[in-house]
Amino acid sequence: MPRIKSEIVVNEVETLIFTIRGQKVILDADLARIYQVKTKVLNQAVRRNSNRFPGDFMFRLTHEELKNLNSEFPSTKFQATGAMRSQFVTASKRNIRFLPLAFTEHGALMAANVLNSGTAVTLSIYVIRAFLRMWQALTANQILEKRLMEIEKTLLNHDAAFRDLYQIIRPLLLPPPGPKRRRIGFQAN
């Protein structure tokens, strides 16, 4: 079994997963670092096996998406110049002539398979677990949000019922009017 670096754990892999085009993805440089290969080697293996990577497994970022990532995560992932830096090794710059590839959960697993490396296959388990934990958290949040909406709806219905009940009870809570007094003085009818 290949030796696994201690800093590669599920929590750290989760920090490398972004939502782009409505999908949870990990960038090629980060995936290569996790699988302990150079980005160039990963991209070559992907190109050689391009039929294994349909659009829902992997896609290339656009300049706009790269710019958005650059502005969204300036201190952790990218530099102001646009040259990406890995989170694990900050001295390596990426040549931005080639826009990065974004791998979905299935694409990351397929990349491990085409790399033909025991280390990549072993570490792909951590990547898949990180994706699974993110999906579980997302699902839990959606369930919680749905439940909160139901509670809010119920409370709004109760508020309306309490308001109606208060309007009915309010006259009963007021002190009874005093006896009608007879007016003093001359009255002309």
Protein backbone atom coordinates (compact mmCIF):
# COMPACT_ATOMS: atom_id res chain seq x y z
CA MET A 1 0.00 0.00 0.00
CA PRO A 2 1.45 3.39 -0.91
CA ARG A 3 2.45 5.79 1.82
CA ILE A 4 -0.20 8.48 2.39
CA LYS A 5 0.92 11.94 3.44
CA SER A 6 -0.52 12.88 6.81
CA GLU A 7 -1.81 16.29 5.65
CA ILE A 8 -4.11 14.71 3.07
CA VAL A 9 -7.32 14.14 5.01
CA VAL A 10 -10.95 14.46 4.15
CA ASN A 11 -11.35 17.84 5.85
CA GLU A 12 -8.51 19.33 3.83
CA VAL A 13 -9.82 17.86 0.60
CA GLU A 14 -13.19 19.47 1.34
CA THR A 15 -11.52 22.90 1.32
CA LEU A 16 -10.43 22.26 -2.27
CA ILE A 17 -13.93 21.56 -3.56
CA PHE A 18 -15.78 24.46 -5.17
CA THR A 19 -19.19 24.93 -6.72
CA ILE A 20 -18.83 25.91 -10.36
CA ARG A 21 -21.66 25.76 -12.90
CA GLY A 22 -23.87 24.32 -10.16
CA GLN A 23 -21.57 21.31 -9.65
CA LYS A 24 -19.13 20.44 -6.88
CA VAL A 25 -15.70 20.25 -8.50
CA ILE A 26 -12.01 20.04 -7.67
CA LEU A 27 -9.39 21.70 -9.87
CA ASP A 28 -6.74 19.72 -11.74
CA ALA A 29 -3.76 21.20 -9.84
CA ASP A 30 -5.32 20.29 -6.49
CA LEU A 31 -6.32 16.83 -7.68
CA ALA A 32 -2.78 16.23 -8.98
CA ARG A 33 -1.34 17.34 -5.64
CA ILE A 34 -3.65 14.95 -3.79
CA TYR A 35 -2.79 12.09 -6.13
CA GLN A 36 0.91 13.00 -5.74
CA VAL A 37 1.57 13.55 -9.44
CA LYS A 38 2.39 16.65 -11.45
CA THR A 39 -0.51 18.54 -12.99
CA LYS A 40 1.05 17.95 -16.39
CA VAL A 41 0.99 14.17 -15.84
CA LEU A 42 -2.65 14.27 -14.74
CA ASN A 43 -3.69 16.37 -17.74
CA GLN A 44 -1.78 14.09 -20.14
CA ALA A 45 -3.52 11.01 -18.73
CA VAL A 46 -6.87 12.77 -19.10
CA ARG A 47 -6.12 13.77 -22.70
CA ARG A 48 -5.06 10.23 -23.58
CA ASN A 49 -8.31 8.88 -22.14
CA SER A 50 -10.61 11.72 -23.18
CA ASN A 51 -13.43 9.27 -24.00
CA ARG A 52 -13.64 8.46 -20.26
CA PHE A 53 -14.32 12.09 -19.33
CA PRO A 54 -17.67 13.32 -20.64
CA GLY A 55 -18.87 16.83 -19.80
CA ASP A 56 -20.48 15.76 -16.55
CA PHE A 57 -17.15 14.31 -15.31
CA MET A 58 -14.84 17.16 -16.25
CA PHE A 59 -14.82 20.56 -17.96
CA ARG A 60 -12.36 23.36 -18.62
CA LEU A 61 -12.93 26.61 -16.75
CA THR A 62 -13.55 29.79 -18.69
CA HIS A 63 -11.54 32.98 -18.12
CA GLU A 64 -14.55 34.45 -16.32
CA GLU A 65 -14.85 31.47 -13.96
CA LEU A 66 -11.13 31.63 -13.22
CA LYS A 67 -11.44 35.36 -12.54
CA ASN A 68 -14.39 34.71 -10.19
CA LEU A 69 -12.41 32.07 -8.30
CA ASN A 70 -9.47 34.44 -8.16
CA SER A 71 -11.61 37.17 -6.60
CA GLU A 72 -13.54 34.82 -4.32
CA PHE A 73 -10.49 33.11 -2.79
CA PRO A 74 -7.54 35.53 -3.12
CA SER A 75 -5.57 34.48 -0.07
CA THR A 76 -5.96 30.72 -0.06
CA LYS A 77 -5.84 29.55 -3.66
CA PHE A 78 -4.91 32.27 -6.09
CA GLN A 79 -2.67 35.29 -6.36
CA ALA A 80 -3.74 38.71 -7.61
CA THR A 81 -1.75 38.19 -10.82
CA GLY A 82 -4.04 35.35 -11.81
CA ALA A 83 -1.33 32.72 -11.45
CA MET A 84 -2.82 29.96 -9.36
CA ARG A 85 -0.94 28.51 -6.41
CA SER A 86 -1.59 25.22 -4.77
CA GLN A 87 -2.81 25.25 -1.20
CA PHE A 88 -0.22 22.65 -0.21
CA VAL A 89 2.84 24.15 -1.92
CA THR A 90 2.61 27.91 -2.37
CA ALA A 91 5.80 28.32 -4.38
CA SER A 92 4.59 26.57 -7.53
CA LYS A 93 2.92 28.85 -10.08
CA ARG A 94 0.62 27.59 -12.77
CA ASN A 95 1.03 28.64 -16.36
CA ILE A 96 -2.31 30.32 -17.05
CA ARG A 97 -2.05 29.82 -20.81
CA PHE A 98 -4.01 26.65 -20.15
CA LEU A 99 -7.16 27.16 -18.18
CA PRO A 100 -7.58 24.62 -15.38
CA LEU A 101 -9.75 21.56 -15.62
CA ALA A 102 -12.52 21.07 -13.08
CA PHE A 103 -13.31 17.49 -12.10
CA THR A 104 -16.61 16.40 -10.60
CA GLU A 105 -16.77 13.55 -8.09
CA HIS A 106 -16.99 10.97 -10.86
CA GLY A 107 -14.25 12.68 -12.86
CA ALA A 108 -11.89 12.66 -9.86
CA LEU A 109 -12.43 8.92 -9.45
CA MET A 110 -11.92 8.34 -13.18
CA ALA A 111 -8.72 10.40 -13.06
CA ALA A 112 -7.38 8.13 -10.34
CA ASN A 113 -8.16 5.12 -12.52
CA VAL A 114 -6.44 6.48 -15.65
CA LEU A 115 -3.33 7.55 -13.72
CA ASN A 116 -2.43 3.89 -13.20
CA SER A 117 -1.01 4.68 -9.78
CA GLY A 118 -1.68 2.81 -6.56
CA THR A 119 -1.29 6.05 -4.64
CA ALA A 120 -3.93 7.78 -6.77
CA VAL A 121 -6.38 4.91 -6.34
CA THR A 122 -5.83 4.84 -2.57
CA LEU A 123 -6.13 8.61 -2.20
CA SER A 124 -9.20 8.74 -4.41
CA ILE A 125 -11.06 7.25 -1.44
CA TYR A 126 -10.39 10.47 0.50
CA VAL A 127 -11.61 12.57 -2.42
CA ILE A 128 -14.83 10.56 -2.74
CA ARG A 129 -15.40 10.75 1.03
CA ALA A 130 -14.96 14.53 0.91
CA PHE A 131 -17.52 14.81 -1.89
CA LEU A 132 -19.90 12.53 0.01
CA ARG A 133 -19.59 14.58 3.21
CA MET A 134 -20.34 17.75 1.27
CA TRP A 135 -23.42 16.17 -0.34
CA GLN A 136 -24.61 14.90 3.04
CA ALA A 137 -24.17 18.35 4.56
CA LEU A 138 -26.02 19.92 1.64
CA THR A 139 -28.86 17.42 1.96
CA ALA A 140 -29.05 17.96 5.72
CA ASN A 141 -29.20 21.73 5.16
CA GLN A 142 -31.99 21.34 2.62
CA ILE A 143 -33.99 19.13 5.01
CA LEU A 144 -33.43 21.61 7.84
CA GLU A 145 -34.41 24.53 5.61
CA LYS A 146 -37.60 22.74 4.55
CA ARG A 147 -38.48 22.02 8.18
CA LEU A 148 -37.86 25.66 9.17
CA MET A 149 -40.13 26.81 6.34
CA GLU A 150 -42.87 24.49 7.62
CA ILE A 151 -42.45 25.87 11.16
CA GLU A 152 -42.55 29.44 9.87
CA LYS A 153 -45.71 28.71 7.90
CA THR A 154 -47.33 27.14 10.96
CA LEU A 155 -46.34 30.12 13.12
CA LEU A 156 -47.77 32.56 10.59
CA ASN A 157 -51.06 30.62 10.60
CA HIS A 158 -51.04 30.65 14.39
CA ASP A 159 -50.30 34.37 14.41
CA ALA A 160 -53.35 35.00 12.23
CA ALA A 161 -55.48 32.78 14.46
CA PHE A 162 -54.23 34.57 17.60
CA ARG A 163 -54.91 37.96 16.00
CA ASP A 164 -58.51 36.92 15.20
CA LEU A 165 -58.97 35.48 18.69
CA TYR A 166 -57.62 38.69 20.26
CA GLN A 167 -60.05 40.79 18.23
CA ILE A 168 -62.92 38.63 19.55
CA ILE A 169 -61.72 38.61 23.17
CA ARG A 170 -60.63 42.26 23.34
CA PRO A 171 -64.10 43.70 24.01
CA LEU A 172 -64.49 41.19 26.83
CA LEU A 173 -61.22 42.32 28.40
CA LEU A 174 -62.19 46.00 28.49
CA PRO A 175 -63.97 47.21 31.64
CA PRO A 176 -67.73 47.37 31.26
CA PRO A 177 -69.08 50.79 30.42
CA GLY A 178 -70.42 52.69 33.42
CA PRO A 179 -74.14 53.27 33.88
CA LYS A 180 -75.54 55.90 31.57
CA ARG A 181 -75.71 59.18 33.40
CA ARG A 182 -78.51 61.58 33.09
CA ARG A 183 -77.48 64.89 31.60
CA ILE A 184 -77.82 67.89 33.84
CA GLY A 185 -79.32 71.07 32.55
CA PHE A 186 -81.96 72.23 30.15
CA GLN A 187 -82.54 69.84 27.29
CA ALA A 188 -84.46 70.64 24.21
CA ASN A 189 -85.77 67.68 22.26
